[in-house]
Amino acid sequence: MYALRIVPQTVELLEPFANVRAWMERIEAFGHGTFTDYSGAEAVETARRATPITEPASDPGEPNGLSPGDRVEVVGEVVVHFPREHYRVLRV
């Protein structure tokens, strides 16, 4: 198989996609960089000042039929960002 650390439920799903697995391995090889402790207030202020960037075109493979700019609700525990797996994303 491969040494990529992914959730067990995803291993079988990704089995036929060698290029995706190779890409994931390359991304994982970057590591996680350097962590900096933030207070909750600092994190909220950083997020408040941030400007989201969206691509003008929709993702044709987006599983929920969503487009950039759609207002959504993410169901699940979200820390900073969320991947598509193991979350429900609902249009609001």
N, C-alpha and C. Protein backbone atom coordinates (compact mmCIF):
# COMPACT_ATOMS: atom_id res chain seq x y z
N MET A 1 0.84 -1.18 0.00
CA MET A 1 0.00 0.00 0.00
C MET A 1 0.89 1.25 0.00
N TYR A 2 0.59 2.26 0.80
CA TYR A 2 1.39 3.47 0.87
C TYR A 2 1.44 3.96 2.31
N ALA A 3 2.40 4.80 2.61
CA ALA A 3 2.64 5.21 4.00
C ALA A 3 1.83 6.43 4.41
N LEU A 4 0.94 6.86 3.58
CA LEU A 4 0.16 8.05 3.86
C LEU A 4 -0.75 7.82 5.07
N ARG A 5 -0.80 8.79 5.96
CA ARG A 5 -1.68 8.70 7.13
C ARG A 5 -3.02 9.33 6.80
N ILE A 6 -4.00 8.49 6.53
CA ILE A 6 -5.35 8.98 6.27
C ILE A 6 -6.33 8.18 7.11
N VAL A 7 -7.52 8.70 7.25
CA VAL A 7 -8.51 8.00 8.06
C VAL A 7 -8.85 6.67 7.39
N PRO A 8 -9.05 5.62 8.17
CA PRO A 8 -9.28 4.29 7.61
C PRO A 8 -10.43 4.24 6.61
N GLN A 9 -11.48 5.01 6.82
CA GLN A 9 -12.62 4.99 5.91
C GLN A 9 -12.27 5.48 4.52
N THR A 10 -11.18 6.22 4.39
CA THR A 10 -10.80 6.80 3.11
C THR A 10 -9.86 5.92 2.30
N VAL A 11 -9.18 4.99 2.95
CA VAL A 11 -8.19 4.15 2.27
C VAL A 11 -8.82 3.44 1.08
N GLU A 12 -9.92 2.74 1.30
CA GLU A 12 -10.56 2.00 0.22
C GLU A 12 -11.09 2.94 -0.86
N LEU A 13 -11.63 4.08 -0.45
CA LEU A 13 -12.15 5.05 -1.40
C LEU A 13 -11.07 5.55 -2.35
N LEU A 14 -9.85 5.76 -1.83
CA LEU A 14 -8.77 6.30 -2.65
C LEU A 14 -7.96 5.24 -3.39
N GLU A 15 -8.21 3.99 -3.11
CA GLU A 15 -7.41 2.92 -3.71
C GLU A 15 -7.29 3.03 -5.24
N PRO A 16 -8.37 3.31 -5.98
CA PRO A 16 -8.22 3.36 -7.44
C PRO A 16 -7.55 4.64 -7.96
N PHE A 17 -7.24 5.58 -7.10
CA PHE A 17 -6.74 6.88 -7.54
C PHE A 17 -5.27 7.07 -7.18
N ALA A 18 -4.41 6.43 -7.92
CA ALA A 18 -2.97 6.47 -7.64
C ALA A 18 -2.43 7.89 -7.69
N ASN A 19 -2.89 8.70 -8.63
CA ASN A 19 -2.39 10.07 -8.73
C ASN A 19 -2.78 10.91 -7.52
N VAL A 20 -3.99 10.72 -7.02
CA VAL A 20 -4.43 11.45 -5.83
C VAL A 20 -3.60 11.02 -4.62
N ARG A 21 -3.40 9.73 -4.47
CA ARG A 21 -2.58 9.24 -3.35
C ARG A 21 -1.16 9.79 -3.43
N ALA A 22 -0.59 9.83 -4.64
CA ALA A 22 0.77 10.37 -4.81
C ALA A 22 0.80 11.85 -4.42
N TRP A 23 -0.22 12.58 -4.83
CA TRP A 23 -0.31 14.01 -4.48
C TRP A 23 -0.40 14.17 -2.96
N MET A 24 -1.25 13.35 -2.33
CA MET A 24 -1.39 13.43 -0.88
C MET A 24 -0.07 13.12 -0.17
N GLU A 25 0.66 12.17 -0.69
CA GLU A 25 1.97 11.85 -0.10
C GLU A 25 2.94 13.03 -0.22
N ARG A 26 2.91 13.70 -1.38
CA ARG A 26 3.79 14.87 -1.56
C ARG A 26 3.40 15.99 -0.60
N ILE A 27 2.10 16.22 -0.44
CA ILE A 27 1.63 17.26 0.48
C ILE A 27 2.03 16.91 1.91
N GLU A 28 1.84 15.66 2.29
CA GLU A 28 2.21 15.25 3.65
C GLU A 28 3.70 15.41 3.90
N ALA A 29 4.52 15.23 2.86
CA ALA A 29 5.97 15.35 3.00
C ALA A 29 6.39 16.79 3.36
N PHE A 30 5.53 17.77 3.08
CA PHE A 30 5.84 19.15 3.46
C PHE A 30 5.92 19.29 4.98
N GLY A 31 5.20 18.45 5.68
CA GLY A 31 5.16 18.55 7.14
C GLY A 31 4.13 19.57 7.58
N HIS A 32 4.20 19.93 8.85
CA HIS A 32 3.20 20.83 9.41
C HIS A 32 3.77 22.19 9.79
N GLY A 33 5.02 22.44 9.44
CA GLY A 33 5.59 23.74 9.72
C GLY A 33 5.80 23.98 11.20
N THR A 34 5.84 25.24 11.58
CA THR A 34 6.06 25.64 12.95
C THR A 34 4.75 26.14 13.55
N PHE A 35 4.43 25.63 14.72
CA PHE A 35 3.21 26.03 15.39
C PHE A 35 3.48 27.22 16.29
N THR A 36 2.51 28.12 16.36
CA THR A 36 2.58 29.28 17.25
C THR A 36 1.32 29.28 18.10
N ASP A 37 1.48 29.39 19.40
CA ASP A 37 0.32 29.46 20.28
C ASP A 37 -0.36 30.81 20.11
N TYR A 38 -1.67 30.77 19.99
CA TYR A 38 -2.50 31.97 19.88
C TYR A 38 -3.52 31.92 21.00
N SER A 39 -3.84 33.06 21.52
CA SER A 39 -4.98 33.10 22.44
C SER A 39 -6.24 33.08 21.57
N GLY A 40 -7.35 32.78 22.17
CA GLY A 40 -8.61 32.81 21.43
C GLY A 40 -8.87 34.17 20.83
N ALA A 41 -8.58 35.23 21.60
CA ALA A 41 -8.82 36.59 21.12
C ALA A 41 -7.93 36.91 19.91
N GLU A 42 -6.67 36.47 19.96
CA GLU A 42 -5.76 36.70 18.82
C GLU A 42 -6.25 35.95 17.58
N ALA A 43 -6.71 34.73 17.76
CA ALA A 43 -7.20 33.95 16.62
C ALA A 43 -8.43 34.61 16.01
N VAL A 44 -9.34 35.08 16.85
CA VAL A 44 -10.55 35.73 16.34
C VAL A 44 -10.17 37.02 15.60
N GLU A 45 -9.25 37.78 16.13
CA GLU A 45 -8.83 39.03 15.48
C GLU A 45 -8.15 38.75 14.14
N THR A 46 -7.31 37.72 14.09
CA THR A 46 -6.67 37.34 12.82
C THR A 46 -7.73 36.95 11.80
N ALA A 47 -8.69 36.15 12.20
CA ALA A 47 -9.76 35.74 11.29
C ALA A 47 -10.60 36.94 10.85
N ARG A 48 -10.87 37.86 11.77
CA ARG A 48 -11.68 39.04 11.44
C ARG A 48 -11.01 39.90 10.37
N ARG A 49 -9.68 40.01 10.44
CA ARG A 49 -8.94 40.85 9.48
C ARG A 49 -8.70 40.14 8.15
N ALA A 50 -8.87 38.83 8.11
CA ALA A 50 -8.58 38.07 6.89
C ALA A 50 -9.62 38.35 5.81
N THR A 51 -9.17 38.28 4.57
CA THR A 51 -10.05 38.44 3.43
C THR A 51 -10.11 37.11 2.69
N PRO A 52 -11.31 36.53 2.56
CA PRO A 52 -11.39 35.24 1.85
C PRO A 52 -11.09 35.40 0.37
N ILE A 53 -10.49 34.38 -0.19
CA ILE A 53 -10.19 34.37 -1.62
C ILE A 53 -11.01 33.25 -2.24
N THR A 54 -11.77 33.57 -3.26
CA THR A 54 -12.53 32.54 -3.96
C THR A 54 -12.16 32.58 -5.44
N GLU A 55 -12.15 31.43 -6.03
CA GLU A 55 -11.92 31.33 -7.46
C GLU A 55 -13.23 31.67 -8.16
N PRO A 56 -13.18 32.25 -9.34
CA PRO A 56 -14.41 32.63 -10.02
C PRO A 56 -15.22 31.44 -10.53
N ALA A 57 -14.59 30.30 -10.77
CA ALA A 57 -15.30 29.16 -11.34
C ALA A 57 -15.66 28.14 -10.27
N SER A 58 -16.77 27.47 -10.44
CA SER A 58 -17.18 26.41 -9.53
C SER A 58 -16.35 25.16 -9.78
N ASP A 59 -16.30 24.31 -8.78
CA ASP A 59 -15.63 23.02 -8.89
C ASP A 59 -16.64 22.04 -9.45
N PRO A 60 -16.41 21.50 -10.65
CA PRO A 60 -17.39 20.58 -11.24
C PRO A 60 -17.57 19.30 -10.42
N GLY A 61 -16.61 18.98 -9.55
CA GLY A 61 -16.71 17.79 -8.73
C GLY A 61 -17.24 18.07 -7.33
N GLU A 62 -17.72 19.28 -7.07
CA GLU A 62 -18.20 19.63 -5.74
C GLU A 62 -19.42 18.76 -5.43
N PRO A 63 -19.33 17.92 -4.38
CA PRO A 63 -20.37 16.93 -4.13
C PRO A 63 -21.71 17.48 -3.67
N ASN A 64 -21.74 18.74 -3.20
CA ASN A 64 -22.99 19.31 -2.68
C ASN A 64 -23.63 20.30 -3.64
N GLY A 65 -23.04 20.46 -4.83
CA GLY A 65 -23.60 21.40 -5.79
C GLY A 65 -23.41 22.85 -5.39
N LEU A 66 -22.42 23.13 -4.56
CA LEU A 66 -22.18 24.49 -4.08
C LEU A 66 -21.26 25.24 -5.03
N SER A 67 -21.35 26.55 -4.98
CA SER A 67 -20.50 27.42 -5.80
C SER A 67 -19.81 28.43 -4.90
N PRO A 68 -18.67 28.99 -5.34
CA PRO A 68 -18.03 30.04 -4.55
C PRO A 68 -19.02 31.16 -4.25
N GLY A 69 -19.01 31.60 -3.01
CA GLY A 69 -19.90 32.67 -2.59
C GLY A 69 -21.19 32.18 -1.94
N ASP A 70 -21.52 30.89 -2.09
CA ASP A 70 -22.71 30.35 -1.43
C ASP A 70 -22.53 30.44 0.08
N ARG A 71 -23.60 30.80 0.77
CA ARG A 71 -23.57 30.78 2.24
C ARG A 71 -23.87 29.36 2.67
N VAL A 72 -23.04 28.85 3.58
CA VAL A 72 -23.19 27.47 4.02
C VAL A 72 -23.10 27.37 5.52
N GLU A 73 -23.54 26.22 6.03
CA GLU A 73 -23.37 25.84 7.42
C GLU A 73 -22.59 24.55 7.42
N VAL A 74 -21.52 24.49 8.21
CA VAL A 74 -20.70 23.29 8.29
C VAL A 74 -21.09 22.54 9.55
N VAL A 75 -21.48 21.28 9.39
CA VAL A 75 -21.90 20.46 10.53
C VAL A 75 -20.76 19.55 10.91
N GLY A 76 -20.23 19.73 12.08
CA GLY A 76 -19.08 18.98 12.57
C GLY A 76 -18.17 19.94 13.32
N GLU A 77 -17.18 19.41 14.02
CA GLU A 77 -16.25 20.26 14.76
C GLU A 77 -15.24 20.85 13.80
N VAL A 78 -15.21 22.18 13.69
CA VAL A 78 -14.31 22.88 12.78
C VAL A 78 -13.34 23.69 13.62
N VAL A 79 -12.05 23.54 13.35
CA VAL A 79 -11.05 24.29 14.10
C VAL A 79 -10.61 25.49 13.27
N VAL A 80 -9.97 25.28 12.12
CA VAL A 80 -9.54 26.37 11.26
C VAL A 80 -10.13 26.20 9.87
N HIS A 81 -10.03 25.01 9.33
CA HIS A 81 -10.57 24.71 8.01
C HIS A 81 -11.16 23.31 8.09
N PHE A 82 -11.81 22.91 7.04
CA PHE A 82 -12.36 21.56 7.05
C PHE A 82 -12.20 20.94 5.66
N PRO A 83 -11.88 19.67 5.63
CA PRO A 83 -11.84 18.96 4.35
C PRO A 83 -13.26 18.54 3.98
N ARG A 84 -13.44 17.99 2.82
CA ARG A 84 -14.78 17.57 2.41
C ARG A 84 -15.22 16.29 3.10
N GLU A 85 -14.29 15.44 3.50
CA GLU A 85 -14.70 14.18 4.09
C GLU A 85 -15.08 14.37 5.56
N HIS A 86 -16.07 13.64 5.99
CA HIS A 86 -16.52 13.58 7.37
C HIS A 86 -17.19 14.87 7.86
N TYR A 87 -17.66 15.70 6.96
CA TYR A 87 -18.41 16.90 7.32
C TYR A 87 -19.64 16.98 6.46
N ARG A 88 -20.68 17.57 7.01
CA ARG A 88 -21.86 17.90 6.21
C ARG A 88 -21.81 19.40 5.96
N VAL A 89 -21.98 19.78 4.70
CA VAL A 89 -22.01 21.19 4.33
C VAL A 89 -23.38 21.47 3.73
N LEU A 90 -24.12 22.35 4.35
CA LEU A 90 -25.49 22.62 3.94
C LEU A 90 -25.62 24.06 3.45
N ARG A 91 -26.33 24.24 2.35
CA ARG A 91 -26.62 25.60 1.87
C ARG A 91 -27.62 26.23 2.83
N VAL A 92 -27.39 27.49 3.20
CA VAL A 92 -28.32 28.18 4.11
C VAL A 92 -28.96 29.37 3.41
